[in-house]
N, C-alpha and C. Protein backbone atom coordinates (compact mmCIF):
# COMPACT_ATOMS: atom_id res chain seq x y z
N MET A 1 -41.19 16.07 -13.73
CA MET A 1 -40.37 16.25 -12.54
C MET A 1 -40.13 14.91 -11.84
N ARG A 2 -41.27 14.11 -11.79
CA ARG A 2 -41.10 12.82 -11.13
C ARG A 2 -40.09 11.95 -11.88
N GLY A 3 -40.10 12.05 -13.21
CA GLY A 3 -39.15 11.28 -14.00
C GLY A 3 -37.72 11.71 -13.71
N ALA A 4 -37.53 13.06 -13.58
CA ALA A 4 -36.20 13.57 -13.28
C ALA A 4 -35.74 13.09 -11.91
N GLY A 5 -36.69 13.09 -10.95
CA GLY A 5 -36.34 12.64 -9.61
C GLY A 5 -35.95 11.18 -9.60
N ALA A 6 -36.68 10.38 -10.37
CA ALA A 6 -36.35 8.95 -10.44
C ALA A 6 -34.98 8.75 -11.06
N GLY A 7 -34.67 9.58 -12.07
CA GLY A 7 -33.37 9.47 -12.71
C GLY A 7 -32.24 9.77 -11.73
N LEU A 8 -32.45 10.81 -10.89
CA LEU A 8 -31.44 11.15 -9.89
C LEU A 8 -31.27 10.03 -8.88
N ALA A 9 -32.40 9.41 -8.48
CA ALA A 9 -32.34 8.32 -7.51
C ALA A 9 -31.56 7.14 -8.07
N ILE A 10 -31.81 6.82 -9.35
CA ILE A 10 -31.10 5.71 -9.98
C ILE A 10 -29.60 6.01 -10.06
N ALA A 11 -29.28 7.28 -10.41
CA ALA A 11 -27.88 7.67 -10.49
C ALA A 11 -27.20 7.54 -9.14
N ALA A 12 -27.90 7.94 -8.08
CA ALA A 12 -27.34 7.86 -6.73
C ALA A 12 -27.10 6.42 -6.32
N LEU A 13 -28.06 5.55 -6.65
CA LEU A 13 -27.90 4.14 -6.31
C LEU A 13 -26.75 3.53 -7.09
N SER A 14 -26.65 3.90 -8.36
CA SER A 14 -25.58 3.36 -9.21
C SER A 14 -24.22 3.77 -8.68
N ALA A 15 -24.11 4.98 -8.15
CA ALA A 15 -22.83 5.46 -7.63
C ALA A 15 -22.37 4.66 -6.44
N GLY A 16 -23.32 4.04 -5.73
CA GLY A 16 -22.96 3.29 -4.55
C GLY A 16 -22.73 1.82 -4.80
N VAL A 17 -22.85 1.38 -6.03
CA VAL A 17 -22.66 -0.04 -6.35
C VAL A 17 -21.19 -0.31 -6.67
N ALA A 18 -20.62 -1.33 -6.07
CA ALA A 18 -19.22 -1.65 -6.32
C ALA A 18 -19.02 -2.07 -7.76
N SER A 19 -17.93 -1.63 -8.33
CA SER A 19 -17.63 -2.00 -9.70
C SER A 19 -17.36 -3.49 -9.79
N ALA A 20 -18.07 -4.14 -10.70
CA ALA A 20 -17.90 -5.58 -10.84
C ALA A 20 -16.51 -5.93 -11.36
N SER A 21 -15.81 -4.94 -11.91
CA SER A 21 -14.51 -5.22 -12.52
C SER A 21 -13.34 -4.88 -11.61
N SER A 22 -13.59 -4.44 -10.37
CA SER A 22 -12.47 -3.99 -9.53
C SER A 22 -11.51 -5.14 -9.19
N LEU A 23 -12.03 -6.34 -8.98
CA LEU A 23 -11.14 -7.48 -8.74
C LEU A 23 -10.39 -7.86 -10.01
N ASP A 24 -11.05 -7.72 -11.15
CA ASP A 24 -10.37 -7.94 -12.43
C ASP A 24 -9.26 -6.91 -12.64
N THR A 25 -9.54 -5.67 -12.22
CA THR A 25 -8.54 -4.61 -12.33
C THR A 25 -7.34 -4.91 -11.46
N LEU A 26 -7.59 -5.40 -10.24
CA LEU A 26 -6.49 -5.79 -9.36
C LEU A 26 -5.68 -6.92 -9.97
N GLU A 27 -6.36 -7.90 -10.57
CA GLU A 27 -5.66 -9.00 -11.24
C GLU A 27 -4.78 -8.47 -12.37
N SER A 28 -5.31 -7.52 -13.13
CA SER A 28 -4.53 -6.92 -14.21
C SER A 28 -3.31 -6.19 -13.67
N PHE A 29 -3.48 -5.46 -12.56
CA PHE A 29 -2.36 -4.75 -11.95
C PHE A 29 -1.28 -5.72 -11.50
N LEU A 30 -1.67 -6.81 -10.86
CA LEU A 30 -0.70 -7.77 -10.36
C LEU A 30 0.07 -8.44 -11.49
N LYS A 31 -0.63 -8.75 -12.58
CA LYS A 31 0.01 -9.48 -13.67
C LYS A 31 0.81 -8.59 -14.62
N SER A 32 0.31 -7.38 -14.88
CA SER A 32 0.95 -6.55 -15.90
C SER A 32 2.00 -5.60 -15.33
N THR A 33 1.90 -5.27 -14.05
CA THR A 33 2.85 -4.33 -13.44
C THR A 33 3.93 -5.13 -12.74
N LYS A 34 5.00 -5.42 -13.46
CA LYS A 34 6.10 -6.20 -12.91
C LYS A 34 7.00 -5.35 -12.02
N SER A 35 6.99 -4.05 -12.24
CA SER A 35 7.77 -3.13 -11.41
C SER A 35 7.09 -1.77 -11.45
N GLY A 36 7.46 -0.92 -10.51
CA GLY A 36 6.84 0.40 -10.47
C GLY A 36 7.61 1.35 -9.58
N ARG A 37 7.33 2.64 -9.79
CA ARG A 37 7.99 3.68 -9.00
C ARG A 37 7.06 4.87 -8.91
N ALA A 38 6.99 5.50 -7.73
CA ALA A 38 6.07 6.63 -7.54
C ALA A 38 6.53 7.48 -6.36
N ASP A 39 6.07 8.73 -6.34
CA ASP A 39 6.19 9.57 -5.15
C ASP A 39 4.98 9.28 -4.27
N PHE A 40 5.15 9.40 -2.97
CA PHE A 40 4.00 9.15 -2.09
C PHE A 40 3.94 10.19 -0.97
N THR A 41 2.70 10.40 -0.51
CA THR A 41 2.44 11.17 0.69
C THR A 41 1.67 10.27 1.65
N GLN A 42 2.14 10.16 2.87
CA GLN A 42 1.51 9.29 3.86
C GLN A 42 0.98 10.13 5.02
N VAL A 43 -0.29 9.96 5.32
CA VAL A 43 -0.90 10.64 6.47
C VAL A 43 -1.35 9.58 7.45
N VAL A 44 -0.78 9.61 8.65
CA VAL A 44 -1.12 8.64 9.69
C VAL A 44 -1.96 9.36 10.74
N THR A 45 -3.15 8.83 10.99
CA THR A 45 -4.06 9.41 11.97
C THR A 45 -4.26 8.45 13.12
N SER A 46 -3.97 8.91 14.33
CA SER A 46 -4.13 8.08 15.52
C SER A 46 -5.43 8.44 16.22
N PRO A 47 -6.08 7.48 16.84
CA PRO A 47 -7.33 7.77 17.55
C PRO A 47 -7.10 8.70 18.73
N ALA A 48 -8.13 9.45 19.10
CA ALA A 48 -8.02 10.37 20.23
C ALA A 48 -7.77 9.61 21.52
N LYS A 49 -6.95 10.19 22.39
CA LYS A 49 -6.70 9.57 23.69
C LYS A 49 -7.91 9.75 24.59
N ALA A 50 -7.95 8.97 25.66
CA ALA A 50 -9.07 9.04 26.61
C ALA A 50 -9.21 10.45 27.15
N GLY A 51 -10.43 10.98 27.08
CA GLY A 51 -10.69 12.32 27.59
C GLY A 51 -10.44 13.42 26.59
N GLN A 52 -9.96 13.06 25.38
CA GLN A 52 -9.69 14.05 24.34
C GLN A 52 -10.64 13.84 23.17
N THR A 53 -10.92 14.93 22.46
CA THR A 53 -11.83 14.85 21.31
C THR A 53 -11.10 15.01 19.98
N THR A 54 -9.86 15.46 20.01
CA THR A 54 -9.11 15.68 18.78
C THR A 54 -8.22 14.49 18.47
N VAL A 55 -8.09 14.20 17.19
CA VAL A 55 -7.20 13.13 16.75
C VAL A 55 -5.88 13.74 16.33
N ARG A 56 -4.85 12.91 16.37
CA ARG A 56 -3.52 13.36 15.99
C ARG A 56 -3.14 12.78 14.64
N SER A 57 -2.48 13.56 13.83
CA SER A 57 -2.05 13.06 12.52
C SER A 57 -0.66 13.60 12.19
N LYS A 58 0.07 12.83 11.39
CA LYS A 58 1.39 13.28 10.93
C LYS A 58 1.54 12.90 9.46
N THR A 59 2.24 13.74 8.74
CA THR A 59 2.39 13.57 7.29
C THR A 59 3.85 13.33 6.93
N SER A 60 4.09 12.34 6.07
CA SER A 60 5.43 12.03 5.58
C SER A 60 5.39 11.98 4.06
N THR A 61 6.52 12.23 3.44
CA THR A 61 6.62 12.14 1.98
C THR A 61 7.89 11.39 1.59
N GLY A 62 7.87 10.83 0.39
CA GLY A 62 9.04 10.11 -0.08
C GLY A 62 8.80 9.44 -1.41
N GLN A 63 9.62 8.42 -1.70
CA GLN A 63 9.51 7.68 -2.95
C GLN A 63 9.35 6.19 -2.65
N PHE A 64 8.58 5.53 -3.52
CA PHE A 64 8.32 4.10 -3.39
C PHE A 64 8.66 3.42 -4.70
N SER A 65 9.27 2.25 -4.62
CA SER A 65 9.57 1.48 -5.83
C SER A 65 9.52 -0.01 -5.50
N PHE A 66 9.31 -0.82 -6.54
CA PHE A 66 9.27 -2.27 -6.33
C PHE A 66 9.57 -3.00 -7.63
N VAL A 67 10.08 -4.21 -7.48
CA VAL A 67 10.23 -5.16 -8.58
C VAL A 67 9.63 -6.47 -8.08
N ARG A 68 8.53 -6.86 -8.69
CA ARG A 68 7.82 -8.06 -8.26
C ARG A 68 8.64 -9.31 -8.58
N PRO A 69 8.68 -10.35 -7.73
CA PRO A 69 7.80 -10.51 -6.57
C PRO A 69 8.48 -10.35 -5.22
N THR A 70 9.75 -9.95 -5.16
CA THR A 70 10.43 -10.02 -3.86
C THR A 70 11.09 -8.72 -3.41
N ARG A 71 11.06 -7.67 -4.22
CA ARG A 71 11.81 -6.48 -3.85
C ARG A 71 10.93 -5.22 -3.83
N PHE A 72 11.10 -4.44 -2.77
CA PHE A 72 10.45 -3.12 -2.72
C PHE A 72 11.26 -2.19 -1.83
N ARG A 73 10.96 -0.91 -1.94
CA ARG A 73 11.73 0.10 -1.20
C ARG A 73 10.88 1.34 -0.94
N PHE A 74 10.87 1.78 0.32
CA PHE A 74 10.29 3.06 0.71
C PHE A 74 11.42 3.96 1.18
N ASP A 75 11.60 5.10 0.53
CA ASP A 75 12.57 6.10 0.96
C ASP A 75 11.81 7.31 1.50
N TYR A 76 11.69 7.39 2.83
CA TYR A 76 11.03 8.53 3.45
C TYR A 76 12.02 9.71 3.47
N VAL A 77 11.55 10.87 3.02
CA VAL A 77 12.41 12.06 2.95
C VAL A 77 12.04 13.06 4.04
N LYS A 78 10.75 13.38 4.15
CA LYS A 78 10.28 14.34 5.15
C LYS A 78 9.21 13.70 6.00
N PRO A 79 9.09 14.06 7.28
CA PRO A 79 9.93 15.03 8.00
C PRO A 79 11.24 14.45 8.49
N PHE A 80 11.36 13.11 8.50
CA PHE A 80 12.59 12.47 8.96
C PHE A 80 13.03 11.40 7.96
N PRO A 81 14.31 11.33 7.65
CA PRO A 81 14.79 10.31 6.71
C PRO A 81 14.70 8.92 7.31
N GLN A 82 14.14 8.01 6.53
CA GLN A 82 13.99 6.62 6.94
C GLN A 82 13.91 5.76 5.69
N VAL A 83 14.45 4.56 5.74
CA VAL A 83 14.47 3.67 4.58
C VAL A 83 13.95 2.30 4.99
N ILE A 84 13.05 1.75 4.17
CA ILE A 84 12.58 0.37 4.34
C ILE A 84 12.86 -0.36 3.03
N VAL A 85 13.66 -1.40 3.09
CA VAL A 85 14.08 -2.11 1.88
C VAL A 85 13.88 -3.61 2.05
N ALA A 86 13.25 -4.24 1.07
CA ALA A 86 13.19 -5.69 0.98
C ALA A 86 14.04 -6.10 -0.22
N ASP A 87 15.10 -6.87 0.02
CA ASP A 87 16.03 -7.21 -1.05
C ASP A 87 15.82 -8.62 -1.60
N GLY A 88 14.76 -9.29 -1.13
CA GLY A 88 14.50 -10.65 -1.57
C GLY A 88 14.79 -11.68 -0.50
N GLN A 89 15.66 -11.32 0.44
CA GLN A 89 16.02 -12.21 1.55
C GLN A 89 15.74 -11.56 2.90
N THR A 90 16.05 -10.27 3.00
CA THR A 90 15.99 -9.55 4.27
C THR A 90 15.17 -8.28 4.13
N LEU A 91 14.40 -7.96 5.17
CA LEU A 91 13.69 -6.70 5.25
C LEU A 91 14.48 -5.78 6.17
N TRP A 92 14.98 -4.67 5.61
CA TRP A 92 15.80 -3.72 6.35
C TRP A 92 15.00 -2.47 6.69
N LEU A 93 15.08 -2.04 7.95
CA LEU A 93 14.46 -0.79 8.37
C LEU A 93 15.55 0.09 8.97
N TYR A 94 15.85 1.20 8.28
CA TYR A 94 16.94 2.09 8.69
C TYR A 94 16.38 3.42 9.15
N ASP A 95 16.63 3.76 10.41
CA ASP A 95 16.24 5.05 10.97
C ASP A 95 17.50 5.89 11.12
N ALA A 96 17.64 6.92 10.27
CA ALA A 96 18.85 7.72 10.25
C ALA A 96 19.05 8.50 11.54
N ASP A 97 17.97 9.02 12.12
CA ASP A 97 18.09 9.79 13.35
C ASP A 97 18.56 8.93 14.52
N LEU A 98 18.07 7.71 14.60
CA LEU A 98 18.47 6.80 15.68
C LEU A 98 19.78 6.10 15.38
N GLU A 99 20.25 6.21 14.13
CA GLU A 99 21.46 5.52 13.69
C GLU A 99 21.34 4.02 14.00
N GLN A 100 20.23 3.47 13.53
CA GLN A 100 19.92 2.08 13.84
C GLN A 100 19.26 1.38 12.66
N VAL A 101 19.63 0.13 12.44
CA VAL A 101 19.04 -0.70 11.40
C VAL A 101 18.44 -1.95 12.05
N THR A 102 17.22 -2.27 11.67
CA THR A 102 16.60 -3.52 12.10
C THR A 102 16.49 -4.43 10.89
N ALA A 103 17.00 -5.65 11.01
CA ALA A 103 16.99 -6.60 9.90
C ALA A 103 16.21 -7.84 10.29
N ARG A 104 15.21 -8.20 9.46
CA ARG A 104 14.40 -9.39 9.70
C ARG A 104 14.38 -10.26 8.44
N LYS A 105 14.16 -11.54 8.61
CA LYS A 105 13.98 -12.40 7.46
C LYS A 105 12.71 -11.97 6.73
N GLN A 106 12.83 -11.78 5.43
CA GLN A 106 11.73 -11.22 4.66
C GLN A 106 10.49 -12.10 4.68
N THR A 107 10.66 -13.40 4.61
CA THR A 107 9.51 -14.30 4.56
C THR A 107 8.70 -14.26 5.85
N GLN A 108 9.35 -13.97 6.96
CA GLN A 108 8.67 -13.89 8.25
C GLN A 108 8.06 -12.52 8.49
N ALA A 109 8.61 -11.50 7.88
CA ALA A 109 8.18 -10.13 8.17
C ALA A 109 7.02 -9.66 7.31
N LEU A 110 6.79 -10.31 6.17
CA LEU A 110 5.75 -9.83 5.26
C LEU A 110 4.44 -10.58 5.49
N GLY A 111 4.07 -11.51 4.60
CA GLY A 111 2.80 -12.23 4.78
C GLY A 111 1.61 -11.31 4.59
N SER A 112 0.81 -11.13 5.65
CA SER A 112 -0.42 -10.33 5.57
C SER A 112 -0.14 -8.86 5.81
N THR A 113 0.67 -8.26 4.95
CA THR A 113 1.02 -6.85 5.08
C THR A 113 0.63 -6.11 3.81
N PRO A 114 0.52 -4.77 3.88
CA PRO A 114 0.23 -4.00 2.66
C PRO A 114 1.26 -4.21 1.56
N ALA A 115 2.51 -4.47 1.93
CA ALA A 115 3.54 -4.70 0.91
C ALA A 115 3.22 -5.93 0.08
N ALA A 116 2.62 -6.94 0.72
CA ALA A 116 2.23 -8.15 -0.02
C ALA A 116 1.18 -7.82 -1.08
N LEU A 117 0.30 -6.88 -0.76
CA LEU A 117 -0.74 -6.47 -1.72
C LEU A 117 -0.13 -5.82 -2.95
N VAL A 118 0.84 -4.97 -2.75
CA VAL A 118 1.35 -4.13 -3.82
C VAL A 118 2.50 -4.77 -4.58
N ALA A 119 3.47 -5.34 -3.86
CA ALA A 119 4.75 -5.64 -4.47
C ALA A 119 5.14 -7.10 -4.56
N THR A 120 4.52 -7.98 -3.77
CA THR A 120 5.04 -9.34 -3.73
C THR A 120 4.12 -10.40 -4.31
N ALA A 121 2.81 -10.16 -4.37
CA ALA A 121 1.89 -11.16 -4.91
C ALA A 121 2.01 -11.24 -6.43
N ALA A 122 2.05 -12.46 -6.95
CA ALA A 122 2.19 -12.64 -8.40
C ALA A 122 0.86 -12.53 -9.12
N ASP A 123 -0.22 -12.96 -8.46
CA ASP A 123 -1.54 -12.91 -9.08
C ASP A 123 -2.61 -12.92 -8.00
N LEU A 124 -3.87 -12.88 -8.41
CA LEU A 124 -4.98 -12.78 -7.47
C LEU A 124 -5.08 -14.01 -6.57
N SER A 125 -4.86 -15.19 -7.14
CA SER A 125 -4.98 -16.42 -6.35
C SER A 125 -3.92 -16.46 -5.25
N ALA A 126 -2.72 -15.97 -5.54
CA ALA A 126 -1.66 -15.92 -4.52
C ALA A 126 -2.05 -14.96 -3.40
N LEU A 127 -2.65 -13.85 -3.77
CA LEU A 127 -3.07 -12.86 -2.78
C LEU A 127 -4.20 -13.38 -1.91
N GLN A 128 -5.08 -14.17 -2.51
CA GLN A 128 -6.23 -14.71 -1.77
C GLN A 128 -5.84 -15.77 -0.75
N LYS A 129 -4.61 -16.24 -0.80
CA LYS A 129 -4.14 -17.16 0.24
C LYS A 129 -3.93 -16.43 1.56
N GLU A 130 -3.63 -15.12 1.47
CA GLU A 130 -3.35 -14.32 2.66
C GLU A 130 -4.50 -13.38 3.03
N PHE A 131 -5.34 -13.01 2.05
CA PHE A 131 -6.37 -12.01 2.27
C PHE A 131 -7.73 -12.46 1.74
N THR A 132 -8.79 -12.00 2.39
CA THR A 132 -10.12 -12.06 1.82
C THR A 132 -10.33 -10.76 1.05
N LEU A 133 -10.66 -10.86 -0.23
CA LEU A 133 -10.77 -9.69 -1.10
C LEU A 133 -12.22 -9.40 -1.43
N ASP A 134 -12.62 -8.12 -1.31
CA ASP A 134 -13.99 -7.71 -1.60
C ASP A 134 -13.97 -6.45 -2.45
N ALA A 135 -14.78 -6.46 -3.52
CA ALA A 135 -14.94 -5.26 -4.35
C ALA A 135 -15.66 -4.18 -3.54
N GLN A 136 -15.23 -2.94 -3.72
CA GLN A 136 -15.81 -1.79 -3.03
C GLN A 136 -16.35 -0.80 -4.07
N PRO A 137 -17.22 0.14 -3.66
CA PRO A 137 -17.73 1.13 -4.61
C PRO A 137 -16.61 2.01 -5.17
N ASP A 138 -16.71 2.35 -6.44
CA ASP A 138 -15.77 3.29 -7.04
C ASP A 138 -15.90 4.64 -6.34
N ALA A 139 -14.77 5.32 -6.14
CA ALA A 139 -14.79 6.64 -5.50
C ALA A 139 -13.50 7.37 -5.84
N ASP A 140 -13.60 8.70 -5.94
CA ASP A 140 -12.44 9.56 -6.20
C ASP A 140 -11.70 9.17 -7.48
N GLY A 141 -12.45 8.67 -8.47
CA GLY A 141 -11.83 8.29 -9.73
C GLY A 141 -11.01 7.01 -9.67
N LEU A 142 -11.18 6.23 -8.60
CA LEU A 142 -10.42 5.00 -8.42
C LEU A 142 -11.35 3.81 -8.26
N GLN A 143 -10.86 2.64 -8.63
CA GLN A 143 -11.56 1.39 -8.36
C GLN A 143 -10.96 0.80 -7.09
N TRP A 144 -11.84 0.38 -6.15
CA TRP A 144 -11.39 -0.01 -4.83
C TRP A 144 -11.61 -1.49 -4.55
N VAL A 145 -10.63 -2.07 -3.85
CA VAL A 145 -10.72 -3.43 -3.34
C VAL A 145 -10.33 -3.41 -1.87
N GLN A 146 -11.13 -4.05 -1.04
CA GLN A 146 -10.76 -4.17 0.37
C GLN A 146 -10.16 -5.54 0.63
N ALA A 147 -9.04 -5.54 1.35
CA ALA A 147 -8.34 -6.78 1.67
C ALA A 147 -8.29 -6.95 3.18
N THR A 148 -8.78 -8.09 3.66
CA THR A 148 -8.79 -8.39 5.09
C THR A 148 -7.88 -9.59 5.34
N PRO A 149 -6.86 -9.43 6.18
CA PRO A 149 -5.94 -10.56 6.42
C PRO A 149 -6.67 -11.77 7.00
N LYS A 150 -6.32 -12.95 6.50
CA LYS A 150 -6.90 -14.18 7.03
C LYS A 150 -6.24 -14.60 8.34
N ASN A 151 -5.02 -14.13 8.55
CA ASN A 151 -4.31 -14.40 9.79
C ASN A 151 -4.88 -13.52 10.90
N ARG A 152 -5.53 -14.11 11.87
CA ARG A 152 -6.18 -13.35 12.93
C ARG A 152 -5.19 -12.65 13.84
N GLU A 153 -3.92 -13.04 13.80
CA GLU A 153 -2.90 -12.41 14.63
C GLU A 153 -2.23 -11.24 13.92
N SER A 154 -2.68 -10.93 12.72
CA SER A 154 -2.10 -9.81 11.98
C SER A 154 -2.37 -8.50 12.71
N THR A 155 -1.38 -7.60 12.67
CA THR A 155 -1.55 -6.28 13.27
C THR A 155 -2.38 -5.37 12.37
N ILE A 156 -2.63 -5.81 11.14
CA ILE A 156 -3.44 -5.05 10.20
C ILE A 156 -4.88 -5.53 10.25
N GLN A 157 -5.81 -4.60 10.43
CA GLN A 157 -7.22 -4.96 10.44
C GLN A 157 -7.76 -5.11 9.03
N SER A 158 -7.46 -4.12 8.17
CA SER A 158 -7.88 -4.19 6.77
C SER A 158 -7.10 -3.18 5.95
N VAL A 159 -7.11 -3.39 4.65
CA VAL A 159 -6.45 -2.47 3.71
C VAL A 159 -7.41 -2.22 2.56
N ARG A 160 -7.60 -0.95 2.21
CA ARG A 160 -8.35 -0.59 1.01
C ARG A 160 -7.36 -0.11 -0.05
N MET A 161 -7.47 -0.69 -1.22
CA MET A 161 -6.53 -0.42 -2.31
C MET A 161 -7.27 0.28 -3.44
N GLY A 162 -6.86 1.50 -3.77
CA GLY A 162 -7.48 2.26 -4.85
C GLY A 162 -6.64 2.20 -6.10
N LEU A 163 -7.23 1.71 -7.19
CA LEU A 163 -6.51 1.51 -8.45
C LEU A 163 -6.97 2.52 -9.49
N ARG A 164 -6.00 3.12 -10.18
CA ARG A 164 -6.29 4.11 -11.21
C ARG A 164 -6.18 3.43 -12.58
N VAL A 165 -7.22 3.56 -13.39
CA VAL A 165 -7.24 2.94 -14.72
C VAL A 165 -7.14 4.03 -15.78
N ASP A 166 -6.14 3.92 -16.64
CA ASP A 166 -5.94 4.86 -17.73
C ASP A 166 -5.80 4.06 -19.02
N GLY A 167 -6.93 3.88 -19.71
CA GLY A 167 -6.92 3.03 -20.89
C GLY A 167 -6.72 1.58 -20.48
N VAL A 168 -5.65 0.96 -20.98
CA VAL A 168 -5.36 -0.42 -20.61
C VAL A 168 -4.36 -0.49 -19.46
N GLN A 169 -3.84 0.66 -19.03
CA GLN A 169 -2.82 0.68 -17.99
C GLN A 169 -3.45 0.88 -16.61
N VAL A 170 -3.00 0.09 -15.64
CA VAL A 170 -3.50 0.17 -14.27
C VAL A 170 -2.33 0.56 -13.36
N SER A 171 -2.55 1.54 -12.50
CA SER A 171 -1.53 1.94 -11.54
C SER A 171 -2.16 2.09 -10.16
N LEU A 172 -1.32 2.22 -9.17
CA LEU A 172 -1.77 2.34 -7.79
C LEU A 172 -2.03 3.81 -7.46
N GLY A 173 -3.24 4.09 -6.95
CA GLY A 173 -3.59 5.46 -6.59
C GLY A 173 -3.51 5.71 -5.10
N LYS A 174 -4.08 4.80 -4.31
CA LYS A 174 -4.09 4.99 -2.85
C LYS A 174 -4.08 3.66 -2.12
N LEU A 175 -3.56 3.69 -0.90
CA LEU A 175 -3.70 2.60 0.05
C LEU A 175 -4.23 3.20 1.35
N GLU A 176 -5.29 2.62 1.88
CA GLU A 176 -5.82 3.02 3.17
C GLU A 176 -5.67 1.83 4.11
N ILE A 177 -4.85 2.00 5.14
CA ILE A 177 -4.50 0.90 6.03
C ILE A 177 -5.08 1.18 7.41
N PHE A 178 -5.82 0.21 7.94
CA PHE A 178 -6.40 0.32 9.27
C PHE A 178 -5.77 -0.77 10.14
N ASP A 179 -5.14 -0.39 11.26
CA ASP A 179 -4.52 -1.40 12.09
C ASP A 179 -5.38 -1.75 13.30
N ALA A 180 -4.93 -2.74 14.04
CA ALA A 180 -5.73 -3.25 15.16
C ALA A 180 -5.83 -2.27 16.32
N MET A 181 -4.99 -1.24 16.34
CA MET A 181 -5.01 -0.25 17.41
C MET A 181 -5.87 0.96 17.06
N GLY A 182 -6.55 0.91 15.92
CA GLY A 182 -7.41 2.02 15.52
C GLY A 182 -6.71 3.11 14.74
N GLN A 183 -5.49 2.87 14.35
CA GLN A 183 -4.73 3.87 13.59
C GLN A 183 -5.02 3.72 12.10
N ARG A 184 -5.13 4.85 11.41
CA ARG A 184 -5.41 4.86 9.97
C ARG A 184 -4.25 5.51 9.23
N SER A 185 -3.76 4.83 8.22
CA SER A 185 -2.66 5.36 7.42
C SER A 185 -3.09 5.39 5.96
N VAL A 186 -3.01 6.56 5.35
CA VAL A 186 -3.38 6.72 3.95
C VAL A 186 -2.16 7.11 3.13
N LEU A 187 -1.82 6.28 2.15
CA LEU A 187 -0.72 6.58 1.23
C LEU A 187 -1.31 6.95 -0.12
N SER A 188 -0.99 8.15 -0.58
CA SER A 188 -1.43 8.63 -1.89
C SER A 188 -0.23 8.65 -2.82
N PHE A 189 -0.38 8.02 -3.99
CA PHE A 189 0.73 7.88 -4.93
C PHE A 189 0.53 8.79 -6.14
N GLU A 190 1.61 9.50 -6.50
CA GLU A 190 1.59 10.38 -7.66
C GLU A 190 2.75 10.04 -8.59
N ARG A 191 2.58 10.39 -9.87
CA ARG A 191 3.61 10.15 -10.89
C ARG A 191 4.05 8.67 -10.87
N PHE A 192 3.06 7.78 -10.86
CA PHE A 192 3.34 6.35 -10.82
C PHE A 192 3.85 5.90 -12.19
N GLU A 193 5.05 5.34 -12.21
CA GLU A 193 5.64 4.81 -13.44
C GLU A 193 5.45 3.29 -13.45
N VAL A 194 4.82 2.78 -14.48
CA VAL A 194 4.61 1.34 -14.62
C VAL A 194 5.74 0.73 -15.43
N ASN A 195 6.38 -0.28 -14.87
CA ASN A 195 7.48 -1.00 -15.53
C ASN A 195 8.56 -0.07 -16.07
N PRO A 196 9.14 0.82 -15.24
CA PRO A 196 10.20 1.71 -15.72
C PRO A 196 11.42 0.92 -16.17
N ALA A 197 12.03 1.35 -17.26
CA ALA A 197 13.13 0.59 -17.86
C ALA A 197 14.39 0.60 -17.01
N ASN A 198 14.58 1.64 -16.21
CA ASN A 198 15.84 1.79 -15.47
C ASN A 198 15.74 1.36 -14.01
N LEU A 199 14.78 0.51 -13.69
CA LEU A 199 14.62 0.04 -12.31
C LEU A 199 15.04 -1.41 -12.24
N GLY A 200 16.18 -1.66 -11.58
CA GLY A 200 16.71 -3.02 -11.52
C GLY A 200 16.88 -3.50 -10.09
N ALA A 201 17.22 -4.79 -9.95
CA ALA A 201 17.34 -5.41 -8.63
C ALA A 201 18.42 -4.76 -7.79
N ALA A 202 19.47 -4.24 -8.44
CA ALA A 202 20.59 -3.65 -7.70
C ALA A 202 20.16 -2.45 -6.85
N GLN A 203 19.09 -1.78 -7.24
CA GLN A 203 18.64 -0.61 -6.50
C GLN A 203 17.97 -0.98 -5.18
N PHE A 204 17.80 -2.28 -4.94
CA PHE A 204 17.18 -2.73 -3.71
C PHE A 204 18.19 -3.39 -2.76
N ASN A 205 19.47 -3.24 -3.10
CA ASN A 205 20.52 -3.71 -2.20
C ASN A 205 20.69 -2.68 -1.08
N PHE A 206 20.77 -3.13 0.15
CA PHE A 206 20.95 -2.21 1.27
C PHE A 206 22.34 -2.39 1.87
N VAL A 207 23.06 -1.29 2.01
CA VAL A 207 24.39 -1.30 2.63
C VAL A 207 24.30 -0.52 3.93
N THR A 208 24.61 -1.18 5.04
CA THR A 208 24.52 -0.53 6.34
C THR A 208 25.56 0.58 6.44
N PRO A 209 25.13 1.80 6.75
CA PRO A 209 26.09 2.91 6.88
C PRO A 209 27.10 2.64 8.01
N LYS A 210 28.28 3.21 7.88
CA LYS A 210 29.31 3.01 8.88
C LYS A 210 28.88 3.61 10.22
N GLY A 211 29.17 2.87 11.28
CA GLY A 211 28.86 3.35 12.61
C GLY A 211 27.44 3.11 13.06
N VAL A 212 26.64 2.47 12.21
CA VAL A 212 25.24 2.22 12.54
C VAL A 212 25.07 0.80 13.07
N SER A 213 24.39 0.67 14.19
CA SER A 213 24.18 -0.66 14.79
C SER A 213 23.08 -1.40 14.06
N VAL A 214 23.22 -2.73 13.98
CA VAL A 214 22.23 -3.58 13.33
C VAL A 214 21.59 -4.50 14.36
N ILE A 215 20.26 -4.48 14.43
CA ILE A 215 19.52 -5.32 15.35
C ILE A 215 18.82 -6.41 14.53
N ARG A 216 18.99 -7.66 14.96
CA ARG A 216 18.33 -8.78 14.29
C ARG A 216 17.45 -9.50 15.31
N PRO A 217 16.16 -9.14 15.38
CA PRO A 217 15.25 -9.73 16.36
C PRO A 217 15.14 -11.24 16.19
């Protein structure tokens, strides 16, 4: 019995040890996944207000795609249509309900953001210029890496990136984003396509709809 108990203790300790290969897995993802496309579900949880014990959360769904190193796109479908597009020069944020587009220079708008983790970094060394990277314990069938922005003025406190390994192929499973205001955003990716043949740069061109105002901060 004592032997069985020791075995269980060792198994429990092993489960809590970070995978030594999680940073290698991230390197493999950055180098081998030149483009990708997936469905996503995003759950944003805000901290409870003063005097309240319940937290507030909202769920959105849509599609995500990218072509490394300068283009990505989030198409939010539910509950409200919204588009975020980086075309290599400009980051466009289109809110259909407000009939408004915000356009920023892409190089100024990204940097220490979750998008840099997924879609714009070419390799691990490039990512380490913006983030401190730490291997985390494996969980939920994913290998985890925590990224902390080196820029102290970043609105992002930290990002946890969950990578799914299937044989030699690595895909993105989850992103857990914690911001400086205590808000937590979890993006879960399904049906992730690695290097899809029909995903080209033209799909990241943004055309402002007629009658929609454009704001350039």
